[in-house]
C-alpha atoms as a PDB file:
ATOM      1  CA  MET A   1     112.156 112.264  86.450  1.00  0.00           C
ATOM      2  CA  ASN A   2     112.392 110.246  83.259  1.00  0.00           C
ATOM      3  CA  GLY A   3     114.163 106.989  84.067  1.00  0.00           C
ATOM      4  CA  GLU A   4     115.581 106.810  80.556  1.00  0.00           C
ATOM      5  CA  THR A   5     117.525 110.068  80.834  1.00  0.00           C
ATOM      6  CA  GLU A   6     121.294 109.734  81.067  1.00  0.00           C
ATOM      7  CA  VAL A   7     123.102 112.497  82.919  1.00  0.00           C
ATOM      8  CA  GLU A   8     126.852 112.894  82.960  1.00  0.00           C
ATOM      9  CA  LEU A   9     128.365 113.152  86.402  1.00  0.00           C
ATOM     10  CA  VAL A  10     132.085 113.611  87.018  1.00  0.00           C
ATOM     11  CA  LEU A  11     133.456 112.235  90.267  1.00  0.00           C
ATOM     12  CA  GLU A  12     137.051 112.709  91.364  1.00  0.00           C
ATOM     13  CA  ARG A  13     138.637 109.650  92.924  1.00  0.00           C
ATOM     14  CA  ASP A  14     142.115 108.648  93.942  1.00  0.00           C
ATOM     15  CA  ALA A  15     141.431 104.961  94.505  1.00  0.00           C
ATOM     16  CA  SER A  16     140.443 102.273  92.036  1.00  0.00           C
ATOM     17  CA  PRO A  17     137.014 102.950  90.518  1.00  0.00           C
ATOM     18  CA  SER A  18     135.997  99.301  90.253  1.00  0.00           C
ATOM     19  CA  VAL A  19     133.438  99.693  93.053  1.00  0.00           C
ATOM     20  CA  MET A  20     131.653 102.929  93.919  1.00  0.00           C
ATOM     21  CA  ASP A  21     132.030 104.021  97.514  1.00  0.00           C
ATOM     22  CA  ARG A  22     129.055 104.994  99.670  1.00  0.00           C
ATOM     23  CA  ARG A  23     129.439 108.717  99.156  1.00  0.00           C
ATOM     24  CA  GLU A  24     129.413 108.320  95.377  1.00  0.00           C
ATOM     25  CA  MET A  25     126.368 106.064  95.409  1.00  0.00           C
ATOM     26  CA  LEU A  26     124.486 108.459  97.665  1.00  0.00           C
ATOM     27  CA  GLY A  27     125.385 111.285  95.300  1.00  0.00           C
ATOM     28  CA  VAL A  28     123.910 109.370  92.378  1.00  0.00           C
ATOM     29  CA  LEU A  29     120.752 108.496  94.304  1.00  0.00           C
ATOM     30  CA  GLY A  30     120.457 112.096  95.412  1.00  0.00           C
ATOM     31  CA  LYS A  31     120.624 113.319  91.827  1.00  0.00           C
ATOM     32  CA  TRP A  32     117.809 110.966  90.888  1.00  0.00           C
ATOM     33  CA  PHE A  33     115.559 111.590  93.866  1.00  0.00           C
ATOM     34  CA  GLY A  34     115.427 115.333  94.315  1.00  0.00           C
ATOM     35  CA  GLY A  35     118.790 117.009  94.708  1.00  0.00           C
ATOM     36  CA  ALA A  36     119.134 119.024  97.906  1.00  0.00           C
ATOM     37  CA  LEU A  37     115.914 117.597  99.336  1.00  0.00           C
ATOM     38  CA  VAL A  38     117.369 114.120  99.405  1.00  0.00           C
ATOM     39  CA  GLY A  39     118.607 112.889 102.731  1.00  0.00           C
ATOM     40  CA  ALA A  40     119.466 109.340 103.589  1.00  0.00           C
ATOM     41  CA  THR A  41     120.172 107.196 106.580  1.00  0.00           C
ATOM     42  CA  PHE A  42     122.722 104.430 106.320  1.00  0.00           C
ATOM     43  CA  PHE A  43     121.870 101.206 108.075  1.00  0.00           C
ATOM     44  CA  GLY A  44     124.198  98.398 108.976  1.00  0.00           C
ATOM     45  CA  ALA A  45     124.467  95.380 111.259  1.00  0.00           C
ATOM     46  CA  GLY A  46     120.724  94.951 111.582  1.00  0.00           C
ATOM     47  CA  GLU A  47     119.784  98.587 112.156  1.00  0.00           C
ATOM     48  CA  ALA A  48     117.504  98.559 109.126  1.00  0.00           C
ATOM     49  CA  LEU A  49     115.271  95.925 110.664  1.00  0.00           C
ATOM     50  CA  ALA A  50     114.801  98.055 113.756  1.00  0.00           C
ATOM     51  CA  ALA A  51     113.603 100.887 111.523  1.00  0.00           C
ATOM     52  CA  VAL A  52     110.557  98.947 110.310  1.00  0.00           C
ATOM     53  CA  GLY A  53     107.585 100.803 111.748  1.00  0.00           C
ATOM     54  CA  GLY A  54     104.809  99.319 113.840  1.00  0.00           C
ATOM     55  CA  GLU A  55     101.107  99.279 113.048  1.00  0.00           C
ATOM     56  CA  THR A  56      98.720 101.704 114.720  1.00  0.00           C
ATOM     57  CA  SER A  57      95.530 100.369 113.168  1.00  0.00           C
ATOM     58  CA  GLY A  58      93.269  97.919 114.940  1.00  0.00           C
ATOM     59  CA  THR A  59      93.937  95.305 112.259  1.00  0.00           C
ATOM     60  CA  GLN A  60      96.662  92.882 113.237  1.00  0.00           C
ATOM     61  CA  THR A  61      99.874  93.177 111.267  1.00  0.00           C
ATOM     62  CA  LYS A  62     100.826  89.822 109.764  1.00  0.00           C
ATOM     63  CA  HIS A  63     103.551  90.946 107.395  1.00  0.00           C
ATOM     64  CA  ARG A  64     105.553  94.009 106.454  1.00  0.00           C
ATOM     65  CA  TYR A  65     106.565  93.519 102.865  1.00  0.00           C
ATOM     66  CA  GLY A  66     109.472  95.427 101.402  1.00  0.00           C
ATOM     67  CA  MET A  67     112.314  95.328  98.911  1.00  0.00           C
ATOM     68  CA  VAL A  68     116.069  95.365  99.172  1.00  0.00           C
ATOM     69  CA  ILE A  69     117.702  96.470  95.917  1.00  0.00           C
ATOM     70  CA  ASP A  70     121.411  95.857  95.378  1.00  0.00           C
ATOM     71  CA  THR A  71     122.834  98.844  93.507  1.00  0.00           C
ATOM     72  CA  ARG A  72     125.971  96.863  92.628  1.00  0.00           C
ATOM     73  CA  ARG A  73     124.076  94.089  90.865  1.00  0.00           C
ATOM     74  CA  CYS A  74     121.566  95.975  88.709  1.00  0.00           C
ATOM     75  CA  VAL A  75     122.762  95.772  85.093  1.00  0.00           C
ATOM     76  CA  GLY A  76     120.108  98.035  83.559  1.00  0.00           C
ATOM     77  CA  CYS A  77     118.545  95.323  81.394  1.00  0.00           C
ATOM     78  CA  SER A  78     115.003  96.569  82.227  1.00  0.00           C
ATOM     79  CA  ALA A  79     113.695  92.997  82.415  1.00  0.00           C
ATOM     80  CA  CYS A  80     111.908  94.067  85.601  1.00  0.00           C
ATOM     81  CA  VAL A  81     110.125  96.852  83.721  1.00  0.00           C
ATOM     82  CA  VAL A  82     108.919  94.513  80.976  1.00  0.00           C
ATOM     83  CA  ALA A  83     107.894  91.815  83.457  1.00  0.00           C
ATOM     84  CA  CYS A  84     105.924  94.318  85.522  1.00  0.00           C
ATOM     85  CA  LYS A  85     104.049  95.615  82.491  1.00  0.00           C
ATOM     86  CA  GLN A  86     103.280  92.099  81.331  1.00  0.00           C
ATOM     87  CA  GLU A  87     102.128  90.933  84.765  1.00  0.00           C
ATOM     88  CA  ASN A  88      99.903  93.929  85.462  1.00  0.00           C
ATOM     89  CA  LYS A  89      99.103  94.766  81.836  1.00  0.00           C
ATOM     90  CA  THR A  90      99.731  98.456  82.310  1.00  0.00           C
ATOM     91  CA  PRO A  91      99.075 100.878  79.417  1.00  0.00           C
ATOM     92  CA  PRO A  92     101.503 103.392  77.863  1.00  0.00           C
ATOM     93  CA  GLY A  93     102.611 106.017  80.353  1.00  0.00           C
ATOM     94  CA  VAL A  94     101.889 103.835  83.382  1.00  0.00           C
ATOM     95  CA  ASN A  95     105.026 102.181  84.750  1.00  0.00           C
ATOM     96  CA  TYR A  96     104.969 100.619  88.187  1.00  0.00           C
ATOM     97  CA  ASN A  97     108.696 100.016  88.002  1.00  0.00           C
ATOM     98  CA  VAL A  98     111.370 101.997  86.159  1.00  0.00           C
ATOM     99  CA  VAL A  99     115.140 101.705  85.848  1.00  0.00           C
ATOM    100  CA  LEU A 100     117.117 104.892  86.377  1.00  0.00           C
ATOM    101  CA  HIS A 101     120.299 105.347  84.347  1.00  0.00           C
ATOM    102  CA  GLU A 102     123.351 107.402  85.227  1.00  0.00           C
ATOM    103  CA  VAL A 103     126.705 107.689  83.449  1.00  0.00           C
ATOM    104  CA  ILE A 104     129.536 107.988  85.929  1.00  0.00           C
ATOM    105  CA  GLY A 105     132.703 109.674  84.668  1.00  0.00           C
ATOM    106  CA  VAL A 106     135.913 109.255  86.659  1.00  0.00           C
ATOM    107  CA  SER A 107     138.297 112.188  86.436  1.00  0.00           C
ATOM    108  CA  GLY A 108     141.982 112.070  87.174  1.00  0.00           C
ATOM    109  CA  THR A 109     142.192 108.308  86.807  1.00  0.00           C
ATOM    110  CA  ALA A 110     144.134 106.757  83.952  1.00  0.00           C
ATOM    111  CA  ASP A 111     142.818 103.937  81.772  1.00  0.00           C
ATOM    112  CA  VAL A 112     139.287 104.135  83.142  1.00  0.00           C
ATOM    113  CA  GLN A 113     136.229 104.439  80.935  1.00  0.00           C
ATOM    114  CA  ASP A 114     132.963 106.054  81.924  1.00  0.00           C
ATOM    115  CA  ARG A 115     130.682 103.412  83.394  1.00  0.00           C
ATOM    116  CA  PRO A 116     126.907 103.290  83.803  1.00  0.00           C
ATOM    117  CA  THR A 117     125.035 102.909  87.051  1.00  0.00           C
ATOM    118  CA  PHE A 118     121.473 101.604  87.176  1.00  0.00           C
ATOM    119  CA  VAL A 119     118.823 101.417  89.883  1.00  0.00           C
ATOM    120  CA  SER A 120     115.370  99.868  89.805  1.00  0.00           C
ATOM    121  CA  LYS A 121     112.641 102.035  91.379  1.00  0.00           C
ATOM    122  CA  PRO A 122     109.198 100.716  92.367  1.00  0.00           C
ATOM    123  CA  CYS A 123     106.704 102.316  94.736  1.00  0.00           C
ATOM    124  CA  PHE A 124     108.344 102.639  98.152  1.00  0.00           C
ATOM    125  CA  HIS A 125     105.258 101.537 100.166  1.00  0.00           C
ATOM    126  CA  CYS A 126     106.059 103.887 103.010  1.00  0.00           C
ATOM    127  CA  ASP A 127     105.087 103.270 106.614  1.00  0.00           C
ATOM    128  CA  HIS A 128     103.887 106.893 106.692  1.00  0.00           C
ATOM    129  CA  PRO A 129     102.922 107.604 103.053  1.00  0.00           C
ATOM    130  CA  SER A 130     102.380 111.224 102.038  1.00  0.00           C
ATOM    131  CA  CYS A 131     100.020 110.146  99.265  1.00  0.00           C
ATOM    132  CA  THR A 132      97.346 108.725 101.559  1.00  0.00           C
ATOM    133  CA  SER A 133      97.079 111.813 103.737  1.00  0.00           C
ATOM    134  CA  VAL A 134      96.146 114.128 100.847  1.00  0.00           C
ATOM    135  CA  CYS A 135      93.550 111.928  99.117  1.00  0.00           C
ATOM    136  CA  PRO A 136      90.186 113.713  99.603  1.00  0.00           C
ATOM    137  CA  VAL A 137      88.123 110.541  99.195  1.00  0.00           C
ATOM    138  CA  GLY A 138      90.287 107.958 100.929  1.00  0.00           C
ATOM    139  CA  ALA A 139      90.896 106.068  97.698  1.00  0.00           C
ATOM    140  CA  THR A 140      94.535 105.358  98.489  1.00  0.00           C
ATOM    141  CA  PHE A 141      95.528 103.812 101.793  1.00  0.00           C
ATOM    142  CA  LYS A 142      98.033 101.524 103.484  1.00  0.00           C
ATOM    143  CA  ARG A 143      96.808  98.022 104.212  1.00  0.00           C
ATOM    144  CA  ALA A 144      97.158  97.298 107.904  1.00  0.00           C
ATOM    145  CA  GLN A 145      97.810  93.590 107.452  1.00  0.00           C
ATOM    146  CA  ASP A 146     100.904  93.902 105.272  1.00  0.00           C
ATOM    147  CA  GLY A 147     101.843  97.577 104.828  1.00  0.00           C
ATOM    148  CA  ILE A 148     101.182  97.625 101.060  1.00  0.00           C
ATOM    149  CA  VAL A 149      99.867 100.971  99.801  1.00  0.00           C
ATOM    150  CA  VAL A 150      96.983 100.492  97.360  1.00  0.00           C
ATOM    151  CA  VAL A 151      94.483 102.465  95.261  1.00  0.00           C
ATOM    152  CA  ASP A 152      90.739 101.794  95.235  1.00  0.00           C
ATOM    153  CA  TYR A 153      89.840 102.416  91.595  1.00  0.00           C
ATOM    154  CA  ASP A 154      86.139 102.641  92.406  1.00  0.00           C
ATOM    155  CA  ARG A 155      86.724 105.546  94.799  1.00  0.00           C
ATOM    156  CA  CYS A 156      89.564 107.384  93.018  1.00  0.00           C
ATOM    157  CA  ILE A 157      88.320 110.596  91.373  1.00  0.00           C
ATOM    158  CA  GLY A 158      91.531 111.263  89.459  1.00  0.00           C
ATOM    159  CA  CYS A 159      92.401 114.522  91.233  1.00  0.00           C
ATOM    160  CA  ARG A 160      96.086 113.531  91.272  1.00  0.00           C
ATOM    161  CA  TYR A 161      96.833 115.134  94.645  1.00  0.00           C
ATOM    162  CA  CYS A 162      98.595 111.917  95.603  1.00  0.00           C
ATOM    163  CA  MET A 163     100.904 112.199  92.603  1.00  0.00           C
ATOM    164  CA  THR A 164     101.992 115.639  93.755  1.00  0.00           C
ATOM    165  CA  ALA A 165     102.466 114.474  97.334  1.00  0.00           C
ATOM    166  CA  CYS A 166     104.538 111.378  96.518  1.00  0.00           C
ATOM    167  CA  PRO A 167     108.196 112.298  97.160  1.00  0.00           C
ATOM    168  CA  TYR A 168     109.416 109.345  95.094  1.00  0.00           C
ATOM    169  CA  GLN A 169     107.430 110.044  91.906  1.00  0.00           C
ATOM    170  CA  ALA A 170     106.004 106.523  91.981  1.00  0.00           C
ATOM    171  CA  ARG A 171     102.423 107.245  90.827  1.00  0.00           C
ATOM    172  CA  TYR A 172     101.029 107.541  87.331  1.00  0.00           C
ATOM    173  CA  PHE A 173      97.753 108.694  85.804  1.00  0.00           C
ATOM    174  CA  ASP A 174      95.902 106.453  83.381  1.00  0.00           C
ATOM    175  CA  TYR A 175      94.838 108.664  80.468  1.00  0.00           C
ATOM    176  CA  GLY A 176      93.192 105.784  78.629  1.00  0.00           C
ATOM    177  CA  ASP A 177      95.975 105.172  76.092  1.00  0.00           C
ATOM    178  CA  ASP A 178      96.468 101.659  74.747  1.00  0.00           C
ATOM    179  CA  TYR A 179      99.136  99.744  72.899  1.00  0.00           C
ATOM    180  CA  PRO A 180      98.430  98.721  69.268  1.00  0.00           C
ATOM    181  CA  ALA A 181      97.828  95.135  70.398  1.00  0.00           C
ATOM    182  CA  VAL A 182      94.839  96.372  72.379  1.00  0.00           C
ATOM    183  CA  GLU A 183      93.566  98.840  69.812  1.00  0.00           C
ATOM    184  CA  GLN A 184      93.695  96.171  67.095  1.00  0.00           C
ATOM    185  CA  GLU A 185      91.698  93.770  69.282  1.00  0.00           C
ATOM    186  CA  THR A 186      94.336  91.041  69.160  1.00  0.00           C
ATOM    187  CA  PRO A 187      94.128  88.089  71.598  1.00  0.00           C
ATOM    188  CA  TYR A 188      96.276  90.149  73.964  1.00  0.00           C
ATOM    189  CA  ALA A 189      93.409  92.628  74.299  1.00  0.00           C
ATOM    190  CA  ALA A 190      91.200  89.921  75.763  1.00  0.00           C
ATOM    191  CA  VAL A 191      93.597  89.274  78.639  1.00  0.00           C
ATOM    192  CA  ARG A 192      92.464  91.120  81.742  1.00  0.00           C
ATOM    193  CA  SER A 193      94.791  92.655  84.294  1.00  0.00           C
ATOM    194  CA  PRO A 194      94.916  90.619  87.523  1.00  0.00           C
ATOM    195  CA  GLU A 195      95.488  93.747  89.618  1.00  0.00           C
ATOM    196  CA  TYR A 196      93.904  93.508  93.067  1.00  0.00           C
ATOM    197  CA  VAL A 197      92.360  90.197  91.862  1.00  0.00           C
ATOM    198  CA  GLN A 198      89.709  92.256  90.046  1.00  0.00           C
ATOM    199  CA  TYR A 199      90.311  91.284  86.387  1.00  0.00           C
ATOM    200  CA  ARG A 200      88.655  94.407  85.025  1.00  0.00           C
ATOM    201  CA  ASP A 201      87.728  94.906  81.385  1.00  0.00           C
ATOM    202  CA  ARG A 202      89.528  97.926  79.974  1.00  0.00           C
ATOM    203  CA  ALA A 203      86.851 100.181  78.509  1.00  0.00           C
ATOM    204  CA  LYS A 204      86.580 103.902  77.936  1.00  0.00           C
ATOM    205  CA  GLY A 205      84.863 105.610  80.823  1.00  0.00           C
ATOM    206  CA  GLY A 206      85.600 102.723  83.193  1.00  0.00           C
ATOM    207  CA  SER A 207      88.214 102.360  85.904  1.00  0.00           C
ATOM    208  CA  PRO A 208      91.177 102.286  86.043  1.00  0.00           C
ATOM    209  CA  ILE A 209      91.066 104.753  83.144  1.00  0.00           C
ATOM    210  CA  GLY A 210      90.981 108.187  84.730  1.00  0.00           C
ATOM    211  CA  ASN A 211      92.548 106.881  87.938  1.00  0.00           C
ATOM    212  CA  VAL A 212      95.970 107.143  89.533  1.00  0.00           C
ATOM    213  CA  ARG A 213      97.846 103.853  89.429  1.00  0.00           C
ATOM    214  CA  LYS A 214     100.912 102.453  91.157  1.00  0.00           C
ATOM    215  CA  CYS A 215     102.902  99.362  92.092  1.00  0.00           C
ATOM    216  CA  SER A 216     101.076  97.056  94.495  1.00  0.00           C
ATOM    217  CA  PHE A 217     103.903  94.549  95.045  1.00  0.00           C
ATOM    218  CA  CYS A 218     101.803  92.226  92.836  1.00  0.00           C
ATOM    219  CA  LEU A 219      99.528  91.547  95.802  1.00  0.00           C
ATOM    220  CA  HIS A 220      97.219  89.525  93.542  1.00  0.00           C
ATOM    221  CA  LEU A 221      99.827  86.758  93.872  1.00  0.00           C
ATOM    222  CA  GLN A 222      99.267  86.405  97.614  1.00  0.00           C
ATOM    223  CA  ASP A 223      97.424  83.378  98.974  1.00  0.00           C
ATOM    224  CA  GLU A 224      94.359  83.622 101.199  1.00  0.00           C
ATOM    225  CA  GLY A 225      96.604  84.176 104.203  1.00  0.00           C
ATOM    226  CA  GLY A 226      98.385  87.095 102.579  1.00  0.00           C
ATOM    227  CA  ALA A 227     101.621  85.207 101.898  1.00  0.00           C
ATOM    228  CA  TYR A 228     103.699  84.987  98.739  1.00  0.00           C
ATOM    229  CA  SER A 229     105.540  81.853  97.629  1.00  0.00           C
ATOM    230  CA  LYS A 230     108.814  82.083  95.761  1.00  0.00           C
ATOM    231  CA  ALA A 231     108.831  78.317  95.228  1.00  0.00           C
ATOM    232  CA  GLU A 232     105.409  78.440  93.571  1.00  0.00           C
ATOM    233  CA  GLY A 233     106.236  81.485  91.464  1.00  0.00           C
ATOM    234  CA  ARG A 234     103.820  83.725  93.360  1.00  0.00           C
ATOM    235  CA  TRP A 235     106.298  86.557  93.718  1.00  0.00           C
ATOM    236  CA  PRO A 236     106.434  90.164  92.444  1.00  0.00           C
ATOM    237  CA  ALA A 237     107.243  90.045  88.744  1.00  0.00           C
ATOM    238  CA  CYS A 238     110.182  92.446  88.952  1.00  0.00           C
ATOM    239  CA  ALA A 239     112.018  90.429  91.607  1.00  0.00           C
ATOM    240  CA  LYS A 240     111.209  87.124  89.931  1.00  0.00           C
ATOM    241  CA  THR A 241     112.559  88.287  86.567  1.00  0.00           C
ATOM    242  CA  CYS A 242     115.645  90.276  87.638  1.00  0.00           C
ATOM    243  CA  THR A 243     118.543  88.823  85.643  1.00  0.00           C
ATOM    244  CA  GLY A 244     121.192  90.327  87.907  1.00  0.00           C
ATOM    245  CA  HIS A 245     119.482  89.169  91.107  1.00  0.00           C
ATOM    246  CA  ALA A 246     119.491  92.759  92.282  1.00  0.00           C
ATOM    247  CA  ILE A 247     115.859  92.936  93.459  1.00  0.00           C
ATOM    248  CA  HIS A 248     115.013  91.070  96.644  1.00  0.00           C
ATOM    249  CA  PHE A 249     111.494  90.961  98.061  1.00  0.00           C
ATOM    250  CA  GLY A 250     110.138  89.598 101.301  1.00  0.00           C
ATOM    251  CA  ASP A 251     108.685  90.072 104.758  1.00  0.00           C
ATOM    252  CA  LEU A 252     110.781  92.488 106.789  1.00  0.00           C
ATOM    253  CA  LEU A 253     109.221  91.098 109.971  1.00  0.00           C
ATOM    254  CA  ASP A 254     110.581  87.621 109.224  1.00  0.00           C
ATOM    255  CA  PRO A 255     114.153  87.346 110.562  1.00  0.00           C
ATOM    256  CA  ASP A 256     114.796  84.355 108.306  1.00  0.00           C
ATOM    257  CA  ALA A 257     113.694  86.120 105.109  1.00  0.00           C
ATOM    258  CA  GLU A 258     116.333  86.924 102.500  1.00  0.00           C
ATOM    259  CA  VAL A 259     115.632  90.650 102.805  1.00  0.00           C
ATOM    260  CA  SER A 260     116.253  90.488 106.540  1.00  0.00           C
ATOM    261  CA  SER A 261     119.535  88.660 106.076  1.00  0.00           C
ATOM    262  CA  LEU A 262     120.736  91.182 103.507  1.00  0.00           C
ATOM    263  CA  LEU A 263     119.925  94.097 105.797  1.00  0.00           C
ATOM    264  CA  ARG A 264     121.879  92.446 108.618  1.00  0.00           C
ATOM    265  CA  GLU A 265     124.902  91.663 106.482  1.00  0.00           C
ATOM    266  CA  ARG A 266     125.160  94.677 104.160  1.00  0.00           C
ATOM    267  CA  THR A 267     125.040  98.442 104.425  1.00  0.00           C
ATOM    268  CA  ALA A 268     121.692  99.805 103.267  1.00  0.00           C
ATOM    269  CA  VAL A 269     120.217 103.245 102.724  1.00  0.00           C
ATOM    270  CA  ARG A 270     116.682 104.601 102.754  1.00  0.00           C
ATOM    271  CA  LEU A 271     116.012 107.789 100.850  1.00  0.00           C
ATOM    272  CA  LYS A 272     114.529 111.110 102.003  1.00  0.00           C
ATOM    273  CA  GLU A 273     114.569 110.159 105.664  1.00  0.00           C
ATOM    274  CA  GLU A 274     114.036 113.787 106.701  1.00  0.00           C
ATOM    275  CA  ILE A 275     110.490 113.670 105.295  1.00  0.00           C
ATOM    276  CA  GLY A 276     109.472 110.963 107.737  1.00  0.00           C
ATOM    277  CA  ASN A 277     107.788 108.615 105.247  1.00  0.00           C
ATOM    278  CA  GLU A 278     109.892 105.622 106.304  1.00  0.00           C
ATOM    279  CA  PRO A 279     109.921 103.735 102.996  1.00  0.00           C
ATOM    280  CA  THR A 280     110.133  99.948 103.005  1.00  0.00           C
ATOM    281  CA  VAL A 281     112.463  99.881 100.001  1.00  0.00           C
ATOM    282  CA  TYR A 282     116.141  99.781 100.904  1.00  0.00           C
ATOM    283  CA  TYR A 283     119.164 100.188  98.637  1.00  0.00           C
ATOM    284  CA  LEU A 284     122.355  98.243  99.294  1.00  0.00           C
ATOM    285  CA  VAL A 285     125.446 100.350  98.600  1.00  0.00           C
END
C-alpha cells in the first residue's frame, strides 16, 4: 500500500478524542496492513519480551534486534524516510522505511477537528519470515547471530517470490532507476552504498540492480562483535533521526535495553499474529 495515501476514517467516540484508545489504533493499523487478514496480539507488563523467539540454528544467538515504535509520538515528518535513503543510498522506488498516513475523523463530538495519525514501517525482521521460505536459491535468510533478515545480492535472481510472500509489504525491486544526481554524475554519484559493508558501484547489469532489496537495520553500522553503539552514532538511521523520538531500536534479549523497558512499561501490539511470522517490530498504542 502506498504510504503517502490518505484515507478518511470516521470513528464514533463518546469520550475526549485527545488520545486514541487501543481499539481505534488497532483499527487504523488493520486498515494499513491488510484489512480482515490483520490480527494482533496486545502485550503488556513484560509479555512482549517473552514472545521473542529462540534460535534453532547451530549458530549461537548473541542478539535479537528489534524496534519499538510509539504510535503516539510519530508526527509524520518523514525524517526517518529521508535518513534511511541517505544512509543506504537507495534509488527511486526502493524505500526501506515508509511513513503511513491516516486521517481520523471524529463523529458526534463537538469542537473537534479531523486529526492525522502516522506510523513508521520498516521491515519487520520476523522470527519466522515468510520471505525466506519461498526463495528458490536461498538468497534471503535470517542471520542466526542477531535475527536480522538479509538479502544476498550475488545469489538473488530477481524472481520476486519473496515480495509476494511478505505479509508486511516490506520488500522492493530495484529496476535500475536513478535520481538526477546520479544520472548527471555529480559528486553524489561517486558515493557508494555501505549496505552489508560491500560498497558496491552502481552499474547497469550489476547487483543490486535486478535484485529485491529491503531494510537491514543498517547492519553495516555494527562493530566486529555485532553490536551497535548509540553513543558513537552507529545506530539505524531512522531511529537516530526520528524527531519525535517515536522509533526505538535495540536488543530485545537485553533486559536493560530501552526497547525492553518500553515493552515492560507500555502496551504493545504485533501485527498479523495469526500468520505465525512473529515480527520483531512492536507498536506502542
